[in-house]
Structures are given as C-alpha cells and as structure tokens.
Amino acid sequence: QLDLPEPDINLGVGSGSHARQTADAMTGLEALMA
C-alpha cells in the first residue's frame, strides 16, 4: 500500500520475549552488516 520496495532480506525473527526477539535480530543483523 505504501509502495515500499520488497525487503532485500527478511530475518524472520517472529514473536518471543524482548530478550529473545532482540537477540535473534542482533544475530541476523550482525552477519549482514559485517
């Protein structure tokens, strides 16, 4: 609806506790950014 490009990558973090969600996102993002 907002004419955004499709994401180049979807980490698929999903739901979970704050710690789990943040940690899973950090793990995926670290590999990508490095």
All heavy atoms as atom14 arrays in JSON, in Angstrom:
{
  "sequence": "QLDLPEPDINLGVGSGSHARQTADAMTGLEALMA",
  "atom14_mask": [
    [1, 1, 1, 1, 1, 1, 1, 1, 1, 0, 0, 0, 0, 0],
    [1, 1, 1, 1, 1, 1, 1, 1, 0, 0, 0, 0, 0, 0],
    [1, 1, 1, 1, 1, 1, 1, 1, 0, 0, 0, 0, 0, 0],
    [1, 1, 1, 1, 1, 1, 1, 1, 0, 0, 0, 0, 0, 0],
    [1, 1, 1, 1, 1, 1, 1, 0, 0, 0, 0, 0, 0, 0],
    [1, 1, 1, 1, 1, 1, 1, 1, 1, 0, 0, 0, 0, 0],
    [1, 1, 1, 1, 1, 1, 1, 0, 0, 0, 0, 0, 0, 0],
    [1, 1, 1, 1, 1, 1, 1, 1, 0, 0, 0, 0, 0, 0],
    [1, 1, 1, 1, 1, 1, 1, 1, 0, 0, 0, 0, 0, 0],
    [1, 1, 1, 1, 1, 1, 1, 1, 0, 0, 0, 0, 0, 0],
    [1, 1, 1, 1, 1, 1, 1, 1, 0, 0, 0, 0, 0, 0],
    [1, 1, 1, 1, 0, 0, 0, 0, 0, 0, 0, 0, 0, 0],
    [1, 1, 1, 1, 1, 1, 1, 0, 0, 0, 0, 0, 0, 0],
    [1, 1, 1, 1, 0, 0, 0, 0, 0, 0, 0, 0, 0, 0],
    [1, 1, 1, 1, 1, 1, 0, 0, 0, 0, 0, 0, 0, 0],
    [1, 1, 1, 1, 0, 0, 0, 0, 0, 0, 0, 0, 0, 0],
    [1, 1, 1, 1, 1, 1, 0, 0, 0, 0, 0, 0, 0, 0],
    [1, 1, 1, 1, 1, 1, 1, 1, 1, 1, 0, 0, 0, 0],
    [1, 1, 1, 1, 1, 0, 0, 0, 0, 0, 0, 0, 0, 0],
    [1, 1, 1, 1, 1, 1, 1, 1, 1, 1, 1, 0, 0, 0],
    [1, 1, 1, 1, 1, 1, 1, 1, 1, 0, 0, 0, 0, 0],
    [1, 1, 1, 1, 1, 1, 1, 0, 0, 0, 0, 0, 0, 0],
    [1, 1, 1, 1, 1, 0, 0, 0, 0, 0, 0, 0, 0, 0],
    [1, 1, 1, 1, 1, 1, 1, 1, 0, 0, 0, 0, 0, 0],
    [1, 1, 1, 1, 1, 0, 0, 0, 0, 0, 0, 0, 0, 0],
    [1, 1, 1, 1, 1, 1, 1, 1, 0, 0, 0, 0, 0, 0],
    [1, 1, 1, 1, 1, 1, 1, 0, 0, 0, 0, 0, 0, 0],
    [1, 1, 1, 1, 0, 0, 0, 0, 0, 0, 0, 0, 0, 0],
    [1, 1, 1, 1, 1, 1, 1, 1, 0, 0, 0, 0, 0, 0],
    [1, 1, 1, 1, 1, 1, 1, 1, 1, 0, 0, 0, 0, 0],
    [1, 1, 1, 1, 1, 0, 0, 0, 0, 0, 0, 0, 0, 0],
    [1, 1, 1, 1, 1, 1, 1, 1, 0, 0, 0, 0, 0, 0],
    [1, 1, 1, 1, 1, 1, 1, 1, 0, 0, 0, 0, 0, 0],
    [1, 1, 1, 1, 1, 0, 0, 0, 0, 0, 0, 0, 0, 0]
  ],
  "atom14_positions": [
    [[0.81, -1.22, 0.0], [0.0, 0.0, 0.0], [0.85, 1.27, 0.0], [0.41, 2.31, -0.51], [-0.94, -0.01, 1.2], [-2.0, -1.1, 1.11], [-3.03, -1.0, 2.21], [-2.85, -0.3, 3.21], [-4.14, -1.71, 2.05], [0.0, 0.0, 0.0], [0.0, 0.0, 0.0], [0.0, 0.0, 0.0], [0.0, 0.0, 0.0], [0.0, 0.0, 0.0]],
    [[2.04, 1.21, 0.59], [2.88, 2.39, 0.68], [3.93, 2.44, -0.42], [4.81, 3.29, -0.4], [3.56, 2.45, 2.06], [2.62, 2.48, 3.26], [3.4, 2.56, 4.55], [1.66, 3.64, 3.15], [0.0, 0.0, 0.0], [0.0, 0.0, 0.0], [0.0, 0.0, 0.0], [0.0, 0.0, 0.0], [0.0, 0.0, 0.0], [0.0, 0.0, 0.0]],
    [[3.82, 1.51, -1.37], [4.75, 1.47, -2.5], [6.2, 1.37, -2.02], [7.11, 1.96, -2.6], [4.56, 2.71, -3.39], [5.16, 2.51, -4.77], [5.26, 1.35, -5.2], [5.55, 3.51, -5.4], [0.0, 0.0, 0.0], [0.0, 0.0, 0.0], [0.0, 0.0, 0.0], [0.0, 0.0, 0.0], [0.0, 0.0, 0.0], [0.0, 0.0, 0.0]],
    [[6.39, 0.61, -0.96], [7.74, 0.33, -0.47], [8.33, -0.82, -1.28], [7.61, -1.74, -1.66], [7.71, -0.09, 1.0], [7.72, 1.01, 2.05], [7.3, 0.45, 3.4], [9.09, 1.65, 2.16], [0.0, 0.0, 0.0], [0.0, 0.0, 0.0], [0.0, 0.0, 0.0], [0.0, 0.0, 0.0], [0.0, 0.0, 0.0], [0.0, 0.0, 0.0]],
    [[9.64, -0.78, -1.53], [10.26, -1.93, -2.19], [10.17, -3.15, -1.28], [10.17, -3.03, -0.05], [11.71, -1.48, -2.38], [11.93, -0.44, -1.33], [10.62, 0.27, -1.17], [0.0, 0.0, 0.0], [0.0, 0.0, 0.0], [0.0, 0.0, 0.0], [0.0, 0.0, 0.0], [0.0, 0.0, 0.0], [0.0, 0.0, 0.0], [0.0, 0.0, 0.0]],
    [[10.08, -4.32, -1.89], [10.12, -5.54, -1.09], [11.44, -5.59, -0.33], [12.49, -5.2, -0.87], [9.98, -6.77, -1.99], [8.57, -7.01, -2.49], [7.61, -7.33, -1.36], [7.95, -8.15, -0.49], [6.5, -6.76, -1.34], [0.0, 0.0, 0.0], [0.0, 0.0, 0.0], [0.0, 0.0, 0.0], [0.0, 0.0, 0.0], [0.0, 0.0, 0.0]],
    [[11.42, -6.04, 0.91], [12.68, -6.11, 1.67], [13.72, -6.97, 0.95], [13.38, -8.0, 0.37], [12.25, -6.76, 3.0], [10.79, -6.49, 3.1], [10.27, -6.5, 1.7], [0.0, 0.0, 0.0], [0.0, 0.0, 0.0], [0.0, 0.0, 0.0], [0.0, 0.0, 0.0], [0.0, 0.0, 0.0], [0.0, 0.0, 0.0], [0.0, 0.0, 0.0]],
    [[14.96, -6.51, 0.99], [16.04, -7.3, 0.41], [16.29, -8.56, 1.24], [16.77, -9.56, 0.71], [17.32, -6.46, 0.34], [17.16, -5.29, -0.61], [17.26, -5.52, -1.83], [16.92, -4.17, -0.14], [0.0, 0.0, 0.0], [0.0, 0.0, 0.0], [0.0, 0.0, 0.0], [0.0, 0.0, 0.0], [0.0, 0.0, 0.0], [0.0, 0.0, 0.0]],
    [[15.98, -8.48, 2.52], [16.13, -9.63, 3.38], [15.11, -9.57, 4.5], [14.81, -8.49, 5.03], [17.57, -9.73, 3.96], [17.78, -11.06, 4.7], [17.89, -8.55, 4.84], [19.23, -11.36, 5.0], [0.0, 0.0, 0.0], [0.0, 0.0, 0.0], [0.0, 0.0, 0.0], [0.0, 0.0, 0.0], [0.0, 0.0, 0.0], [0.0, 0.0, 0.0]],
    [[14.54, -10.7, 4.85], [13.61, -10.81, 5.98], [14.22, -11.8, 6.95], [14.42, -12.97, 6.61], [12.24, -11.28, 5.51], [11.18, -11.19, 6.61], [11.46, -11.5, 7.77], [9.97, -10.79, 6.26], [0.0, 0.0, 0.0], [0.0, 0.0, 0.0], [0.0, 0.0, 0.0], [0.0, 0.0, 0.0], [0.0, 0.0, 0.0], [0.0, 0.0, 0.0]],
    [[14.54, -11.34, 8.15], [15.21, -12.19, 9.13], [14.28, -13.19, 9.79], [14.74, -14.14, 10.43], [15.87, -11.32, 10.2], [16.97, -10.37, 9.73], [17.52, -9.56, 10.9], [18.09, -11.12, 9.03], [0.0, 0.0, 0.0], [0.0, 0.0, 0.0], [0.0, 0.0, 0.0], [0.0, 0.0, 0.0], [0.0, 0.0, 0.0], [0.0, 0.0, 0.0]],
    [[12.97, -12.98, 9.68], [12.02, -13.94, 10.23], [12.12, -14.12, 11.73], [11.93, -15.23, 12.24], [0.0, 0.0, 0.0], [0.0, 0.0, 0.0], [0.0, 0.0, 0.0], [0.0, 0.0, 0.0], [0.0, 0.0, 0.0], [0.0, 0.0, 0.0], [0.0, 0.0, 0.0], [0.0, 0.0, 0.0], [0.0, 0.0, 0.0], [0.0, 0.0, 0.0]],
    [[12.35, -13.03, 12.45], [12.53, -13.12, 13.9], [11.27, -13.6, 14.6], [11.32, -14.45, 15.49], [12.99, -11.75, 14.46], [12.89, -11.72, 15.98], [14.41, -11.44, 14.0], [0.0, 0.0, 0.0], [0.0, 0.0, 0.0], [0.0, 0.0, 0.0], [0.0, 0.0, 0.0], [0.0, 0.0, 0.0], [0.0, 0.0, 0.0], [0.0, 0.0, 0.0]],
    [[10.12, -13.07, 14.23], [8.87, -13.51, 14.84], [8.69, -13.03, 16.26], [9.37, -12.12, 16.73], [0.0, 0.0, 0.0], [0.0, 0.0, 0.0], [0.0, 0.0, 0.0], [0.0, 0.0, 0.0], [0.0, 0.0, 0.0], [0.0, 0.0, 0.0], [0.0, 0.0, 0.0], [0.0, 0.0, 0.0], [0.0, 0.0, 0.0], [0.0, 0.0, 0.0]],
    [[7.76, -13.67, 16.96], [7.42, -13.24, 18.31], [8.36, -13.88, 19.31], [9.21, -14.7, 18.97], [5.98, -13.6, 18.63], [5.8, -15.0, 18.55], [0.0, 0.0, 0.0], [0.0, 0.0, 0.0], [0.0, 0.0, 0.0], [0.0, 0.0, 0.0], [0.0, 0.0, 0.0], [0.0, 0.0, 0.0], [0.0, 0.0, 0.0], [0.0, 0.0, 0.0]],
    [[8.19, -13.51, 20.58], [9.03, -14.03, 21.65], [9.22, -12.97, 22.71], [8.7, -11.86, 22.6], [0.0, 0.0, 0.0], [0.0, 0.0, 0.0], [0.0, 0.0, 0.0], [0.0, 0.0, 0.0], [0.0, 0.0, 0.0], [0.0, 0.0, 0.0], [0.0, 0.0, 0.0], [0.0, 0.0, 0.0], [0.0, 0.0, 0.0], [0.0, 0.0, 0.0]],
    [[9.96, -13.29, 23.74], [10.26, -12.32, 24.78], [11.1, -11.19, 24.21], [11.69, -11.31, 23.12], [11.02, -12.98, 25.93], [12.33, -13.32, 25.51], [0.0, 0.0, 0.0], [0.0, 0.0, 0.0], [0.0, 0.0, 0.0], [0.0, 0.0, 0.0], [0.0, 0.0, 0.0], [0.0, 0.0, 0.0], [0.0, 0.0, 0.0], [0.0, 0.0, 0.0]],
    [[11.18, -10.08, 24.94], [12.01, -8.96, 24.47], [13.44, -9.41, 24.26], [14.07, -9.06, 23.26], [11.95, -7.81, 25.48], [10.65, -7.07, 25.47], [10.34, -6.13, 24.51], [9.57, -7.14, 26.29], [9.12, -5.65, 24.74], [8.64, -6.25, 25.81], [0.0, 0.0, 0.0], [0.0, 0.0, 0.0], [0.0, 0.0, 0.0], [0.0, 0.0, 0.0]],
    [[13.98, -10.19, 25.19], [15.37, -10.63, 25.08], [15.56, -11.53, 23.86], [16.51, -11.35, 23.09], [15.79, -11.36, 26.35], [0.0, 0.0, 0.0], [0.0, 0.0, 0.0], [0.0, 0.0, 0.0], [0.0, 0.0, 0.0], [0.0, 0.0, 0.0], [0.0, 0.0, 0.0], [0.0, 0.0, 0.0], [0.0, 0.0, 0.0], [0.0, 0.0, 0.0]],
    [[14.67, -12.48, 23.68], [14.79, -13.41, 22.56], [14.65, -12.69, 21.23], [15.43, -12.92, 20.29], [13.71, -14.51, 22.7], [13.65, -15.5, 21.56], [14.89, -16.38, 21.5], [14.81, -17.34, 20.42], [14.26, -18.56, 20.55], [13.75, -18.93, 21.72], [14.25, -19.4, 19.53], [0.0, 0.0, 0.0], [0.0, 0.0, 0.0], [0.0, 0.0, 0.0]],
    [[13.66, -11.82, 21.13], [13.42, -11.1, 19.88], [14.61, -10.21, 19.53], [15.08, -10.19, 18.38], [12.15, -10.27, 20.04], [11.49, -9.87, 18.75], [10.14, -9.21, 19.0], [10.07, -8.17, 19.65], [9.08, -9.8, 18.48], [0.0, 0.0, 0.0], [0.0, 0.0, 0.0], [0.0, 0.0, 0.0], [0.0, 0.0, 0.0], [0.0, 0.0, 0.0]],
    [[15.11, -9.48, 20.52], [16.24, -8.58, 20.29], [17.49, -9.36, 19.94], [18.24, -9.0, 19.02], [16.47, -7.69, 21.52], [15.26, -7.01, 21.86], [17.57, -6.66, 21.25], [0.0, 0.0, 0.0], [0.0, 0.0, 0.0], [0.0, 0.0, 0.0], [0.0, 0.0, 0.0], [0.0, 0.0, 0.0], [0.0, 0.0, 0.0], [0.0, 0.0, 0.0]],
    [[17.73, -10.46, 20.67], [18.92, -11.26, 20.42], [18.9, -11.89, 19.03], [19.92, -11.89, 18.31], [19.05, -12.35, 21.48], [0.0, 0.0, 0.0], [0.0, 0.0, 0.0], [0.0, 0.0, 0.0], [0.0, 0.0, 0.0], [0.0, 0.0, 0.0], [0.0, 0.0, 0.0], [0.0, 0.0, 0.0], [0.0, 0.0, 0.0], [0.0, 0.0, 0.0]],
    [[17.76, -12.43, 18.62], [17.66, -13.03, 17.3], [17.89, -11.99, 16.2], [18.55, -12.27, 15.19], [16.29, -13.69, 17.12], [16.14, -14.98, 17.91], [17.16, -15.47, 18.46], [15.01, -15.5, 17.98], [0.0, 0.0, 0.0], [0.0, 0.0, 0.0], [0.0, 0.0, 0.0], [0.0, 0.0, 0.0], [0.0, 0.0, 0.0], [0.0, 0.0, 0.0]],
    [[17.32, -10.8, 16.39], [17.53, -9.74, 15.41], [19.0, -9.32, 15.36], [19.57, -9.11, 14.28], [16.65, -8.53, 15.73], [0.0, 0.0, 0.0], [0.0, 0.0, 0.0], [0.0, 0.0, 0.0], [0.0, 0.0, 0.0], [0.0, 0.0, 0.0], [0.0, 0.0, 0.0], [0.0, 0.0, 0.0], [0.0, 0.0, 0.0], [0.0, 0.0, 0.0]],
    [[19.64, -9.2, 16.51], [21.06, -8.82, 16.56], [21.92, -9.85, 15.85], [22.85, -9.5, 15.11], [21.51, -8.64, 18.0], [20.96, -7.41, 18.69], [21.56, -7.21, 20.39], [23.28, -6.76, 20.06], [0.0, 0.0, 0.0], [0.0, 0.0, 0.0], [0.0, 0.0, 0.0], [0.0, 0.0, 0.0], [0.0, 0.0, 0.0], [0.0, 0.0, 0.0]],
    [[21.64, -11.12, 16.07], [22.44, -12.17, 15.44], [22.35, -12.09, 13.92], [23.37, -12.14, 13.21], [21.97, -13.55, 15.92], [22.1, -13.62, 17.35], [22.78, -14.66, 15.29], [0.0, 0.0, 0.0], [0.0, 0.0, 0.0], [0.0, 0.0, 0.0], [0.0, 0.0, 0.0], [0.0, 0.0, 0.0], [0.0, 0.0, 0.0], [0.0, 0.0, 0.0]],
    [[21.14, -11.96, 13.39], [20.97, -11.86, 11.95], [21.56, -10.59, 11.38], [22.21, -10.6, 10.31], [0.0, 0.0, 0.0], [0.0, 0.0, 0.0], [0.0, 0.0, 0.0], [0.0, 0.0, 0.0], [0.0, 0.0, 0.0], [0.0, 0.0, 0.0], [0.0, 0.0, 0.0], [0.0, 0.0, 0.0], [0.0, 0.0, 0.0], [0.0, 0.0, 0.0]],
    [[21.37, -9.47, 12.08], [21.87, -8.2, 11.58], [23.39, -8.11, 11.63], [24.01, -7.51, 10.76], [21.26, -7.05, 12.4], [19.77, -6.78, 12.14], [19.19, -5.88, 13.22], [19.56, -6.16, 10.75], [0.0, 0.0, 0.0], [0.0, 0.0, 0.0], [0.0, 0.0, 0.0], [0.0, 0.0, 0.0], [0.0, 0.0, 0.0], [0.0, 0.0, 0.0]],
    [[23.99, -8.71, 12.63], [25.45, -8.67, 12.73], [26.1, -9.34, 11.52], [27.04, -8.79, 10.93], [25.91, -9.35, 14.02], [27.43, -9.27, 14.21], [27.87, -9.94, 15.49], [27.49, -11.11, 15.7], [28.59, -9.31, 16.27], [0.0, 0.0, 0.0], [0.0, 0.0, 0.0], [0.0, 0.0, 0.0], [0.0, 0.0, 0.0], [0.0, 0.0, 0.0]],
    [[25.61, -10.51, 11.15], [26.17, -11.19, 9.99], [25.98, -10.36, 8.72], [26.89, -10.24, 7.89], [25.51, -12.56, 9.84], [0.0, 0.0, 0.0], [0.0, 0.0, 0.0], [0.0, 0.0, 0.0], [0.0, 0.0, 0.0], [0.0, 0.0, 0.0], [0.0, 0.0, 0.0], [0.0, 0.0, 0.0], [0.0, 0.0, 0.0], [0.0, 0.0, 0.0]],
    [[24.8, -9.78, 8.57], [24.5, -8.98, 7.39], [25.39, -7.74, 7.32], [25.99, -7.44, 6.27], [23.02, -8.57, 7.41], [22.56, -7.62, 6.31], [22.64, -8.29, 4.96], [21.14, -7.13, 6.6], [0.0, 0.0, 0.0], [0.0, 0.0, 0.0], [0.0, 0.0, 0.0], [0.0, 0.0, 0.0], [0.0, 0.0, 0.0], [0.0, 0.0, 0.0]],
    [[25.5, -7.01, 8.43], [26.27, -5.77, 8.43], [27.76, -6.02, 8.3], [28.48, -5.25, 7.66], [25.96, -4.97, 9.69], [24.56, -4.42, 9.76], [24.32, -3.43, 11.26], [22.55, -3.27, 11.29], [0.0, 0.0, 0.0], [0.0, 0.0, 0.0], [0.0, 0.0, 0.0], [0.0, 0.0, 0.0], [0.0, 0.0, 0.0], [0.0, 0.0, 0.0]],
    [[28.24, -7.09, 8.91], [29.66, -7.4, 8.79], [30.03, -7.71, 7.35], [31.13, -7.39, 6.88], [30.01, -8.59, 9.69], [0.0, 0.0, 0.0], [0.0, 0.0, 0.0], [0.0, 0.0, 0.0], [0.0, 0.0, 0.0], [0.0, 0.0, 0.0], [0.0, 0.0, 0.0], [0.0, 0.0, 0.0], [0.0, 0.0, 0.0], [0.0, 0.0, 0.0]]
  ]
}
